[in-house]
C-alpha atoms as a PDB file:
ATOM      1  CA  MET A   1      -7.921  -6.520 -19.361  1.00  0.00           C
ATOM      2  CA  LYS A   2     -11.098  -7.389 -20.909  1.00  0.00           C
ATOM      3  CA  HIS A   3     -11.877 -10.400 -18.688  1.00  0.00           C
ATOM      4  CA  PHE A   4     -10.705  -7.812 -15.633  1.00  0.00           C
ATOM      5  CA  LYS A   5     -13.909  -5.469 -17.196  1.00  0.00           C
ATOM      6  CA  VAL A   6     -16.426  -7.723 -17.335  1.00  0.00           C
ATOM      7  CA  PHE A   7     -15.120  -9.237 -13.592  1.00  0.00           C
ATOM      8  CA  LEU A   8     -15.736  -5.358 -12.577  1.00  0.00           C
ATOM      9  CA  PHE A   9     -19.050  -5.337 -13.996  1.00  0.00           C
ATOM     10  CA  TYR A  10     -20.443  -7.982 -12.282  1.00  0.00           C
ATOM     11  CA  PHE A  11     -18.192  -6.761  -9.057  1.00  0.00           C
ATOM     12  CA  GLN A  12     -20.139  -3.386  -9.109  1.00  0.00           C
ATOM     13  CA  MET A  13     -23.394  -5.219  -9.898  1.00  0.00           C
ATOM     14  CA  GLU A  14     -23.528  -7.256  -7.029  1.00  0.00           C
ATOM     15  CA  LYS A  15     -21.745  -4.698  -4.376  1.00  0.00           C
ATOM     16  CA  ALA A  16     -25.119  -2.730  -5.366  1.00  0.00           C
ATOM     17  CA  ASP A  17     -27.369  -5.501  -4.615  1.00  0.00           C
ATOM     18  CA  LEU A  18     -24.984  -5.854  -1.195  1.00  0.00           C
ATOM     19  CA  VAL A  19     -26.384  -1.762  -0.316  1.00  0.00           C
ATOM     20  CA  LYS A  20     -29.457  -2.779  -1.398  1.00  0.00           C
ATOM     21  CA  LEU A  21     -29.655  -5.555   0.587  1.00  0.00           C
ATOM     22  CA  LYS A  22     -27.942  -3.903   4.002  1.00  0.00           C
ATOM     23  CA  LYS A  23     -30.494  -1.251   3.426  1.00  0.00           C
ATOM     24  CA  ASP A  24     -33.503  -3.792   3.389  1.00  0.00           C
ATOM     25  CA  ILE A  25     -32.330  -6.092   6.415  1.00  0.00           C
ATOM     26  CA  SER A  26     -31.535  -2.938   8.184  1.00  0.00           C
ATOM     27  CA  LEU A  27     -35.235  -1.382   7.728  1.00  0.00           C
ATOM     28  CA  LEU A  28     -36.548  -5.008   8.693  1.00  0.00           C
ATOM     29  CA  ARG A  29     -34.648  -5.185  11.305  1.00  0.00           C
ATOM     30  CA  SER A  30     -35.743  -1.690  12.740  1.00  0.00           C
ATOM     31  CA  GLU A  31     -39.313  -3.211  12.129  1.00  0.00           C
ATOM     32  CA  LEU A  32     -38.525  -6.271  14.405  1.00  0.00           C
ATOM     33  CA  ASN A  33     -37.209  -4.166  16.913  1.00  0.00           C
ATOM     34  CA  LYS A  34     -40.105  -1.883  17.025  1.00  0.00           C
ATOM     35  CA  LEU A  35     -42.239  -4.631  17.221  1.00  0.00           C
ATOM     36  CA  ASN A  36     -40.422  -6.141  20.146  1.00  0.00           C
ATOM     37  CA  GLU A  37     -40.680  -2.827  21.944  1.00  0.00           C
ATOM     38  CA  GLU A  38     -44.086  -2.639  21.661  1.00  0.00           C
ATOM     39  CA  LYS A  39     -44.473  -6.639  22.550  1.00  0.00           C
ATOM     40  CA  ARG A  40     -42.154  -5.744  25.979  1.00  0.00           C
ATOM     41  CA  GLU A  41     -44.992  -3.152  26.814  1.00  0.00           C
ATOM     42  CA  LYS A  42     -47.861  -5.192  26.543  1.00  0.00           C
ATOM     43  CA  LEU A  43     -46.250  -7.992  28.387  1.00  0.00           C
ATOM     44  CA  LYS A  44     -45.224  -5.592  31.225  1.00  0.00           C
ATOM     45  CA  GLU A  45     -49.065  -4.551  31.005  1.00  0.00           C
ATOM     46  CA  ILE A  46     -50.228  -8.124  31.135  1.00  0.00           C
ATOM     47  CA  LEU A  47     -48.321  -8.591  34.447  1.00  0.00           C
ATOM     48  CA  LYS A  48     -49.682  -5.655  36.447  1.00  0.00           C
ATOM     49  CA  ILE A  49     -52.990  -7.301  35.274  1.00  0.00           C
ATOM     50  CA  LYS A  50     -52.013 -10.261  36.661  1.00  0.00           C
ATOM     51  CA  SER A  51     -50.847  -8.625  39.560  1.00  0.00           C
ATOM     52  CA  ASP A  52     -54.221  -7.057  39.881  1.00  0.00           C
ATOM     53  CA  ILE A  53     -55.791 -10.297  39.607  1.00  0.00           C
ATOM     54  CA  ARG A  54     -54.109 -12.194  42.107  1.00  0.00           C
ATOM     55  CA  ALA A  55     -54.797  -8.977  44.554  1.00  0.00           C
ATOM     56  CA  ILE A  56     -58.642  -9.577  43.735  1.00  0.00           C
ATOM     57  CA  LEU A  57     -58.438 -12.753  44.096  1.00  0.00           C
ATOM     58  CA  GLY A  58     -56.883 -12.756  47.502  1.00  0.00           C
ATOM     59  CA  LYS A  59     -59.788 -10.348  48.487  1.00  0.00           C
ATOM     60  CA  VAL A  60     -62.214 -12.856  47.346  1.00  0.00           C
ATOM     61  CA  LYS A  61     -60.303 -15.921  49.161  1.00  0.00           C
ATOM     62  CA  GLU A  62     -60.586 -13.296  52.136  1.00  0.00           C
ATOM     63  CA  PHE A  63     -64.066 -12.567  51.943  1.00  0.00           C
ATOM     64  CA  LYS A  64     -65.227 -16.414  51.693  1.00  0.00           C
ATOM     65  CA  SER A  65     -63.266 -17.077  54.361  1.00  0.00           C
ATOM     66  CA  ASN A  66     -65.142 -14.123  56.605  1.00  0.00           C
ATOM     67  CA  LYS A  67     -68.500 -15.227  54.943  1.00  0.00           C
ATOM     68  CA  ASP A  68     -67.824 -18.940  56.615  1.00  0.00           C
ATOM     69  CA  SER A  69     -67.035 -17.191  59.818  1.00  0.00           C
ATOM     70  CA  PHE A  70     -70.597 -15.159  59.612  1.00  0.00           C
ATOM     71  CA  SER A  71     -71.939 -18.024  59.072  1.00  0.00           C
ATOM     72  CA  ASN A  72     -70.856 -19.509  62.016  1.00  0.00           C
ATOM     73  CA  GLU A  73     -71.535 -16.795  64.256  1.00  0.00           C
ATOM     74  CA  LEU A  74     -75.047 -16.608  62.610  1.00  0.00           C
ATOM     75  CA  ASN A  75     -75.694 -20.038  63.602  1.00  0.00           C
ATOM     76  CA  GLU A  76     -74.872 -19.421  67.200  1.00  0.00           C
ATOM     77  CA  LEU A  77     -76.824 -16.317  67.698  1.00  0.00           C
ATOM     78  CA  LYS A  78     -79.691 -17.859  66.117  1.00  0.00           C
ATOM     79  CA  LYS A  79     -79.138 -21.341  68.290  1.00  0.00           C
ATOM     80  CA  ASP A  80     -78.984 -18.677  71.124  1.00  0.00           C
ATOM     81  CA  ARG A  81     -81.904 -16.379  70.146  1.00  0.00           C
ATOM     82  CA  ASP A  82     -84.173 -19.281  69.433  1.00  0.00           C
ATOM     83  CA  LEU A  83     -83.218 -20.824  72.857  1.00  0.00           C
ATOM     84  CA  HIS A  84     -84.110 -18.072  74.708  1.00  0.00           C
ATOM     85  CA  ASN A  85     -87.620 -17.712  72.421  1.00  0.00           C
ATOM     86  CA  LYS A  86     -88.371 -20.871  73.898  1.00  0.00           C
ATOM     87  CA  ASN A  87     -87.235 -20.299  77.152  1.00  0.00           C
ATOM     88  CA  VAL A  88     -89.768 -17.395  77.289  1.00  0.00           C
ATOM     89  CA  HIS A  89     -92.490 -19.547  75.363  1.00  0.00           C
ATOM     90  CA  ASP A  90     -92.104 -22.059  78.312  1.00  0.00           C
ATOM     91  CA  LEU A  91     -92.148 -19.650  81.346  1.00  0.00           C
ATOM     92  CA  VAL A  92     -95.346 -17.936  79.656  1.00  0.00           C
ATOM     93  CA  SER A  93     -96.903 -21.363  79.894  1.00  0.00           C
ATOM     94  CA  SER A  94     -96.077 -21.757  83.554  1.00  0.00           C
ATOM     95  CA  VAL A  95     -97.531 -18.156  84.202  1.00  0.00           C
ATOM     96  CA  LYS A  96    -100.661 -19.117  82.451  1.00  0.00           C
ATOM     97  CA  GLU A  97    -101.128 -22.152  85.029  1.00  0.00           C
ATOM     98  CA  LEU A  98    -100.034 -20.415  87.941  1.00  0.00           C
ATOM     99  CA  ASN A  99    -102.862 -17.573  87.048  1.00  0.00           C
ATOM    100  CA  ILE A 100    -105.285 -20.345  86.876  1.00  0.00           C
ATOM    101  CA  GLN A 101    -103.948 -22.118  90.112  1.00  0.00           C
ATOM    102  CA  SER A 102    -104.269 -18.545  91.528  1.00  0.00           C
ATOM    103  CA  ALA A 103    -107.969 -17.180  90.269  1.00  0.00           C
ATOM    104  CA  GLU A 104    -108.757 -20.730  91.839  1.00  0.00           C
ATOM    105  CA  ILE A 105    -107.566 -20.259  95.411  1.00  0.00           C
ATOM    106  CA  GLU A 106    -108.659 -16.470  95.297  1.00  0.00           C
ATOM    107  CA  LYS A 107    -112.101 -18.014  94.390  1.00  0.00           C
ATOM    108  CA  LYS A 108    -111.593 -20.740  97.261  1.00  0.00           C
ATOM    109  CA  THR A 109    -110.508 -18.575 100.348  1.00  0.00           C
ATOM    110  CA  LYS A 110    -112.447 -15.354  98.839  1.00  0.00           C
ATOM    111  CA  ILE A 111    -108.906 -13.506  99.364  1.00  0.00           C
ATOM    112  CA  LYS A 112    -108.808  -9.818  97.592  1.00  0.00           C
ATOM    113  CA  VAL A 113    -105.907  -8.675  98.512  1.00  0.00           C
ATOM    114  CA  ASN A 114    -102.727  -9.597  97.005  1.00  0.00           C
ATOM    115  CA  PRO A 115    -100.461 -11.099  99.353  1.00  0.00           C
ATOM    116  CA  LEU A 116     -97.193  -9.394  98.105  1.00  0.00           C
ATOM    117  CA  SER A 117     -98.812  -6.547  98.720  1.00  0.00           C
ATOM    118  CA  ILE A 118     -99.423  -7.321 102.334  1.00  0.00           C
ATOM    119  CA  LYS A 119     -96.143  -8.452 102.983  1.00  0.00           C
ATOM    120  CA  GLU A 120     -94.702  -5.345 101.641  1.00  0.00           C
ATOM    121  CA  LYS A 121     -96.912  -3.482 103.783  1.00  0.00           C
ATOM    122  CA  ILE A 122     -95.901  -5.811 106.823  1.00  0.00           C
ATOM    123  CA  ASP A 123     -92.243  -5.151 105.956  1.00  0.00           C
ATOM    124  CA  LYS A 124     -92.786  -1.481 105.629  1.00  0.00           C
ATOM    125  CA  ILE A 125     -94.371  -1.155 109.043  1.00  0.00           C
ATOM    126  CA  GLU A 126     -91.166  -3.297 110.540  1.00  0.00           C
ATOM    127  CA  GLU A 127     -89.011  -0.575 108.968  1.00  0.00           C
ATOM    128  CA  LYS A 128     -90.404   2.019 110.488  1.00  0.00           C
ATOM    129  CA  ILE A 129     -90.826   0.597 113.945  1.00  0.00           C
ATOM    130  CA  GLU A 130     -86.989   0.399 113.825  1.00  0.00           C
ATOM    131  CA  THR A 131     -85.837   2.972 112.495  1.00  0.00           C
ATOM    132  CA  GLU A 132     -87.752   5.933 113.718  1.00  0.00           C
ATOM    133  CA  VAL A 133     -88.571   7.463 116.839  1.00  0.00           C
ATOM    134  CA  ILE A 134     -92.724   6.874 117.462  1.00  0.00           C
ATOM    135  CA  SER A 135     -94.489   7.114 120.829  1.00  0.00           C
ATOM    136  CA  PHE A 136     -95.429   4.312 122.803  1.00  0.00           C
ATOM    137  CA  GLU A 137     -98.862   4.202 121.870  1.00  0.00           C
ATOM    138  CA  LYS A 138     -98.275   4.531 118.187  1.00  0.00           C
ATOM    139  CA  GLU A 139     -96.052   1.341 118.286  1.00  0.00           C
ATOM    140  CA  LYS A 140     -98.997  -0.562 119.795  1.00  0.00           C
ATOM    141  CA  LYS A 141    -101.166   0.485 116.838  1.00  0.00           C
ATOM    142  CA  LEU A 142     -98.729  -0.240 114.339  1.00  0.00           C
ATOM    143  CA  MET A 143     -97.599  -3.722 116.306  1.00  0.00           C
ATOM    144  CA  ALA A 144    -101.421  -4.677 115.975  1.00  0.00           C
ATOM    145  CA  GLU A 145    -101.856  -3.819 112.577  1.00  0.00           C
ATOM    146  CA  ILE A 146     -99.082  -6.191 112.022  1.00  0.00           C
ATOM    147  CA  LYS A 147    -100.762  -8.900 114.018  1.00  0.00           C
ATOM    148  CA  LYS A 148    -103.771  -8.305 111.235  1.00  0.00           C
ATOM    149  CA  LEU A 149    -101.487  -8.228 108.381  1.00  0.00           C
ATOM    150  CA  ARG A 150     -99.478 -11.733 109.787  1.00  0.00           C
ATOM    151  CA  ALA A 151    -102.782 -13.135 109.840  1.00  0.00           C
ATOM    152  CA  GLU A 152    -104.089 -11.997 106.600  1.00  0.00           C
ATOM    153  CA  PHE A 153    -100.966 -13.069 105.181  1.00  0.00           C
ATOM    154  CA  LYS A 154    -100.804 -17.213 106.712  1.00  0.00           C
ATOM    155  CA  ASN A 155    -104.366 -17.250 105.419  1.00  0.00           C
ATOM    156  CA  SER A 156    -102.906 -16.470 102.217  1.00  0.00           C
ATOM    157  CA  GLY A 157     -99.578 -18.119 102.449  1.00  0.00           C
ATOM    158  CA  GLU A 158    -100.428 -20.642  99.228  1.00  0.00           C
ATOM    159  CA  LEU A 159    -101.534 -17.771  97.016  1.00  0.00           C
ATOM    160  CA  PHE A 160     -98.360 -15.696  98.149  1.00  0.00           C
ATOM    161  CA  ALA A 161     -96.255 -18.973  97.518  1.00  0.00           C
ATOM    162  CA  ILE A 162     -97.894 -18.604  93.476  1.00  0.00           C
ATOM    163  CA  ARG A 163     -97.314 -14.767  92.967  1.00  0.00           C
ATOM    164  CA  GLU A 164     -94.090 -15.420  94.195  1.00  0.00           C
ATOM    165  CA  LYS A 165     -93.305 -17.726  91.684  1.00  0.00           C
ATOM    166  CA  LEU A 166     -95.569 -15.042  89.075  1.00  0.00           C
ATOM    167  CA  GLU A 167     -92.906 -12.396  90.064  1.00  0.00           C
ATOM    168  CA  LYS A 168     -90.242 -14.583  89.573  1.00  0.00           C
ATOM    169  CA  ILE A 169     -91.063 -15.786  86.279  1.00  0.00           C
ATOM    170  CA  SER A 170     -92.191 -12.612  85.123  1.00  0.00           C
ATOM    171  CA  ARG A 171     -88.309 -11.341  85.765  1.00  0.00           C
ATOM    172  CA  ASN A 172     -87.092 -14.454  84.302  1.00  0.00           C
ATOM    173  CA  ILE A 173     -89.479 -13.574  81.321  1.00  0.00           C
ATOM    174  CA  ARG A 174     -87.791  -9.962  81.060  1.00  0.00           C
ATOM    175  CA  GLU A 175     -84.416 -11.226  80.874  1.00  0.00           C
ATOM    176  CA  GLU A 176     -84.950 -13.941  78.389  1.00  0.00           C
ATOM    177  CA  ARG A 177     -86.833 -11.424  76.110  1.00  0.00           C
ATOM    178  CA  GLU A 178     -83.639  -8.992  76.388  1.00  0.00           C
ATOM    179  CA  LYS A 179     -81.190 -11.962  75.602  1.00  0.00           C
ATOM    180  CA  GLY A 180     -82.913 -13.004  72.616  1.00  0.00           C
ATOM    181  CA  ASN A 181     -83.797  -9.479  71.344  1.00  0.00           C
ATOM    182  CA  SER A 182     -79.990  -8.823  71.919  1.00  0.00           C
ATOM    183  CA  SER A 183     -79.044 -11.724  70.028  1.00  0.00           C
ATOM    184  CA  HIS A 184     -81.697 -11.265  67.167  1.00  0.00           C
ATOM    185  CA  LYS A 185     -80.337  -7.664  67.059  1.00  0.00           C
ATOM    186  CA  LYS A 186     -76.761  -8.622  65.975  1.00  0.00           C
ATOM    187  CA  ILE A 187     -78.146 -11.175  63.477  1.00  0.00           C
ATOM    188  CA  ILE A 188     -79.699  -8.028  61.875  1.00  0.00           C
ATOM    189  CA  GLU A 189     -76.677  -5.930  61.975  1.00  0.00           C
ATOM    190  CA  ILE A 190     -74.478  -9.251  60.311  1.00  0.00           C
ATOM    191  CA  PHE A 191     -77.222  -9.287  57.770  1.00  0.00           C
ATOM    192  CA  ASP A 192     -76.659  -5.666  57.274  1.00  0.00           C
ATOM    193  CA  SER A 193     -72.918  -5.581  57.512  1.00  0.00           C
ATOM    194  CA  SER A 194     -73.079  -8.885  55.154  1.00  0.00           C
ATOM    195  CA  LYS A 195     -75.229  -7.441  52.741  1.00  0.00           C
ATOM    196  CA  GLU A 196     -73.219  -4.525  52.262  1.00  0.00           C
ATOM    197  CA  LYS A 197     -69.955  -6.810  52.109  1.00  0.00           C
ATOM    198  CA  GLY A 198     -71.755  -8.624  49.289  1.00  0.00           C
ATOM    199  CA  LYS A 199     -72.208  -6.030  47.214  1.00  0.00           C
ATOM    200  CA  GLY A 200     -68.596  -5.519  47.524  1.00  0.00           C
ATOM    201  CA  PHE A 201     -68.205  -8.656  46.575  1.00  0.00           C
ATOM    202  CA  LYS A 202     -69.715  -8.251  43.708  1.00  0.00           C
ATOM    203  CA  ASP A 203     -67.991  -5.239  42.779  1.00  0.00           C
ATOM    204  CA  LEU A 204     -64.586  -7.730  43.061  1.00  0.00           C
ATOM    205  CA  PHE A 205     -66.205 -10.166  40.552  1.00  0.00           C
ATOM    206  CA  LYS A 206     -67.115  -7.140  38.592  1.00  0.00           C
ATOM    207  CA  ASN A 207     -63.638  -5.894  38.301  1.00  0.00           C
ATOM    208  CA  LEU A 208     -62.164  -9.367  38.061  1.00  0.00           C
ATOM    209  CA  ASP A 209     -64.084 -10.192  34.445  1.00  0.00           C
ATOM    210  CA  LYS A 210     -63.200  -6.703  33.520  1.00  0.00           C
ATOM    211  CA  LEU A 211     -59.667  -7.659  34.119  1.00  0.00           C
ATOM    212  CA  ARG A 212     -59.569 -11.170  32.682  1.00  0.00           C
ATOM    213  CA  LYS A 213     -61.138  -9.433  29.339  1.00  0.00           C
ATOM    214  CA  TYR A 214     -58.484  -6.694  29.444  1.00  0.00           C
ATOM    215  CA  GLN A 215     -55.741  -9.585  29.748  1.00  0.00           C
ATOM    216  CA  GLU A 216     -57.527 -11.639  27.019  1.00  0.00           C
ATOM    217  CA  ASP A 217     -57.552  -8.312  24.584  1.00  0.00           C
ATOM    218  CA  LYS A 218     -53.873  -8.163  25.517  1.00  0.00           C
ATOM    219  CA  GLN A 219     -53.129 -11.206  24.904  1.00  0.00           C
ATOM    220  CA  LYS A 220     -54.755 -10.892  21.002  1.00  0.00           C
ATOM    221  CA  GLU A 221     -52.674  -8.136  20.578  1.00  0.00           C
ATOM    222  CA  ILE A 222     -49.872 -10.024  21.443  1.00  0.00           C
ATOM    223  CA  ASP A 223     -50.698 -12.677  19.008  1.00  0.00           C
ATOM    224  CA  GLU A 224     -50.837 -10.329  16.456  1.00  0.00           C
ATOM    225  CA  ILE A 225     -47.492  -8.716  16.887  1.00  0.00           C
ATOM    226  CA  ASN A 226     -46.401 -12.413  16.968  1.00  0.00           C
ATOM    227  CA  LYS A 227     -47.870 -12.865  13.256  1.00  0.00           C
ATOM    228  CA  LYS A 228     -46.361  -9.799  12.126  1.00  0.00           C
ATOM    229  CA  PHE A 229     -43.230 -10.576  13.440  1.00  0.00           C
ATOM    230  CA  ASP A 230     -43.125 -14.007  11.836  1.00  0.00           C
ATOM    231  CA  VAL A 231     -44.007 -12.371   8.489  1.00  0.00           C
ATOM    232  CA  ILE A 232     -41.024  -9.835   8.542  1.00  0.00           C
ATOM    233  CA  ASN A 233     -38.906 -12.667   9.956  1.00  0.00           C
ATOM    234  CA  SER A 234     -39.602 -14.877   6.867  1.00  0.00           C
ATOM    235  CA  GLU A 235     -38.720 -11.819   4.377  1.00  0.00           C
ATOM    236  CA  LEU A 236     -35.730 -10.871   6.490  1.00  0.00           C
ATOM    237  CA  ASN A 237     -34.306 -14.678   6.321  1.00  0.00           C
ATOM    238  CA  PRO A 238     -34.110 -14.946   2.651  1.00  0.00           C
ATOM    239  CA  LYS A 239     -32.250 -11.139   2.740  1.00  0.00           C
ATOM    240  CA  LEU A 240     -29.733 -12.336   5.232  1.00  0.00           C
ATOM    241  CA  ASN A 241     -29.166 -15.440   3.391  1.00  0.00           C
ATOM    242  CA  GLU A 242     -28.580 -13.543   0.007  1.00  0.00           C
ATOM    243  CA  PHE A 243     -26.339 -11.435   2.215  1.00  0.00           C
ATOM    244  CA  GLY A 244     -24.107 -13.867   3.512  1.00  0.00           C
ATOM    245  CA  ARG A 245     -23.790 -15.473   0.048  1.00  0.00           C
ATOM    246  CA  ILE A 246     -22.871 -12.184  -1.910  1.00  0.00           C
ATOM    247  CA  ASN A 247     -20.770 -10.637   1.053  1.00  0.00           C
ATOM    248  CA  PRO A 248     -18.072 -13.547   1.185  1.00  0.00           C
ATOM    249  CA  VAL A 249     -17.898 -13.331  -2.738  1.00  0.00           C
ATOM    250  CA  LEU A 250     -17.555  -9.688  -2.801  1.00  0.00           C
ATOM    251  CA  ASP A 251     -14.712  -9.748  -0.353  1.00  0.00           C
ATOM    252  CA  GLU A 252     -12.866 -12.459  -2.074  1.00  0.00           C
ATOM    253  CA  ASN A 253     -12.943 -10.429  -4.826  1.00  0.00           C
ATOM    254  CA  LYS A 254     -11.828  -7.586  -3.427  1.00  0.00           C
ATOM    255  CA  ARG A 255      -8.780  -9.387  -1.910  1.00  0.00           C
ATOM    256  CA  ARG A 256      -7.995 -10.565  -5.110  1.00  0.00           C
ATOM    257  CA  GLU A 257      -8.629  -6.859  -7.186  1.00  0.00           C
ATOM    258  CA  GLU A 258      -6.043  -5.751  -4.079  1.00  0.00           C
ATOM    259  CA  LYS A 259      -3.351  -8.613  -4.829  1.00  0.00           C
ATOM    260  CA  LYS A 260      -3.847  -7.546  -8.686  1.00  0.00           C
ATOM    261  CA  ALA A 261      -3.538  -4.170  -8.018  1.00  0.00           C
ATOM    262  CA  ARG A 262      -0.306  -4.799  -5.973  1.00  0.00           C
ATOM    263  CA  GLU A 263       1.191  -7.183  -8.675  1.00  0.00           C
ATOM    264  CA  GLU A 264       0.427  -4.670 -11.451  1.00  0.00           C
ATOM    265  CA  LYS A 265       2.278  -1.784  -9.348  1.00  0.00           C
ATOM    266  CA  ILE A 266       5.465  -4.243  -8.647  1.00  0.00           C
ATOM    267  CA  LEU A 267       5.582  -4.922 -12.748  1.00  0.00           C
ATOM    268  CA  GLU A 268       5.209  -1.212 -13.432  1.00  0.00           C
ATOM    269  CA  GLU A 269       8.402  -0.485 -11.136  1.00  0.00           C
ATOM    270  CA  LYS A 270      10.268  -3.636 -12.379  1.00  0.00           C
ATOM    271  CA  SER A 271       9.175  -2.220 -16.240  1.00  0.00           C
ATOM    272  CA  LYS A 272      10.440   1.099 -15.407  1.00  0.00           C
ATOM    273  CA  ILE A 273      13.867  -0.662 -14.530  1.00  0.00           C
ATOM    274  CA  VAL A 274      14.255  -2.930 -17.523  1.00  0.00           C
ATOM    275  CA  GLU A 275      13.009  -0.032 -19.900  1.00  0.00           C
ATOM    276  CA  GLU A 276      15.740   1.864 -18.529  1.00  0.00           C
ATOM    277  CA  LYS A 277      18.085  -1.004 -18.811  1.00  0.00           C
ATOM    278  CA  LEU A 278      17.085  -1.101 -22.865  1.00  0.00           C
ATOM    279  CA  LYS A 279      17.642   2.896 -22.787  1.00  0.00           C
ATOM    280  CA  ASN A 280      21.439   2.290 -21.459  1.00  0.00           C
ATOM    281  CA  LYS A 281      22.023  -0.758 -23.694  1.00  0.00           C
ATOM    282  CA  GLY A 282      22.418  -2.886 -20.456  1.00  0.00           C
ATOM    283  CA  LYS A 283      22.295  -6.525 -20.201  1.00  0.00           C
ATOM    284  CA  LEU A 284      18.682  -8.018 -19.485  1.00  0.00           C
ATOM    285  CA  THR A 285      18.770 -10.937 -17.349  1.00  0.00           C
ATOM    286  CA  THR A 286      16.181 -14.151 -17.371  1.00  0.00           C
ATOM    287  CA  GLN A 287      13.614 -12.003 -14.750  1.00  0.00           C
ATOM    288  CA  ASP A 288      14.152  -8.883 -16.986  1.00  0.00           C
ATOM    289  CA  LEU A 289      12.889 -10.564 -19.790  1.00  0.00           C
ATOM    290  CA  LEU A 290       9.960 -12.448 -17.599  1.00  0.00           C
ATOM    291  CA  VAL A 291       8.728  -9.319 -16.615  1.00  0.00           C
ATOM    292  CA  MET A 292       8.506  -7.622 -20.264  1.00  0.00           C
ATOM    293  CA  GLN A 293       6.425 -10.924 -21.100  1.00  0.00           C
ATOM    294  CA  SER A 294       4.007 -10.241 -18.290  1.00  0.00           C
ATOM    295  CA  ARG A 295       3.929  -6.546 -19.301  1.00  0.00           C
ATOM    296  CA  LEU A 296       3.124  -7.755 -23.108  1.00  0.00           C
ATOM    297  CA  LYS A 297       0.571  -9.866 -21.813  1.00  0.00           C
ATOM    298  CA  ASN A 298      -1.109  -7.645 -19.786  1.00  0.00           C
ATOM    299  CA  ASP A 299      -1.187  -4.954 -22.517  1.00  0.00           C
ATOM    300  CA  ASP A 300      -2.997  -7.260 -24.810  1.00  0.00           C
END
């Protein structure tokens, strides 16, 4: 009986340790669960950040592609503008040469009237004769005027050819200037648009830097969580090992205690039967004697 009390004492002591261990393990596991949940939230945030970064990188790639397209378009427009400007320069040089030739012919022939204006007058008079109803006398006068003008025009034929070239070149100069100005205007528009988009491009990189810094900060927070997790886990593992050591012992002790209780109950019942036989002076069997012997041992 004395040995059983000692055993019971140690059993109760280990049971108390087990209760404390269970409480400690539960608290530590609760802390680990909180850390895991916190880590999951941080990872969700990082995934969102990475998604935003990919979206910005996509816009950067698109911008660079458009920039290459702008560069090609600008180069073509610059070539076109420069070509028209060169044409204007060449045509102006031609005008200067023709003006010199025209001045020399005017000086030589002493023609003061512009041949082109003579031609225009002839055309107007001929149109008037053909379209209007006029008297015979007036028609004769107009025909005489045409004859005179044609004579003047014939004498200024060389000058007329030069002036006609000048007129044509002047039209070409206007057309080339308009085309050159149109290309230059488009260049300015693309530059302005590119400048505005360039500002947006800078904003993209600013946001990209912010997101990467934010991602870095979140990763540091996760690293800190992992460190805390490792510390708590290092504290939990020995307790789990201790729990694994004590719990089977307690379970075995419990089974032994229950077995002993059952045996004692059986012995008690058998002892009552033996006592009843003794009272009635009945004959004891070998089994009855063994029961009495076991009872005496337990009483010691």
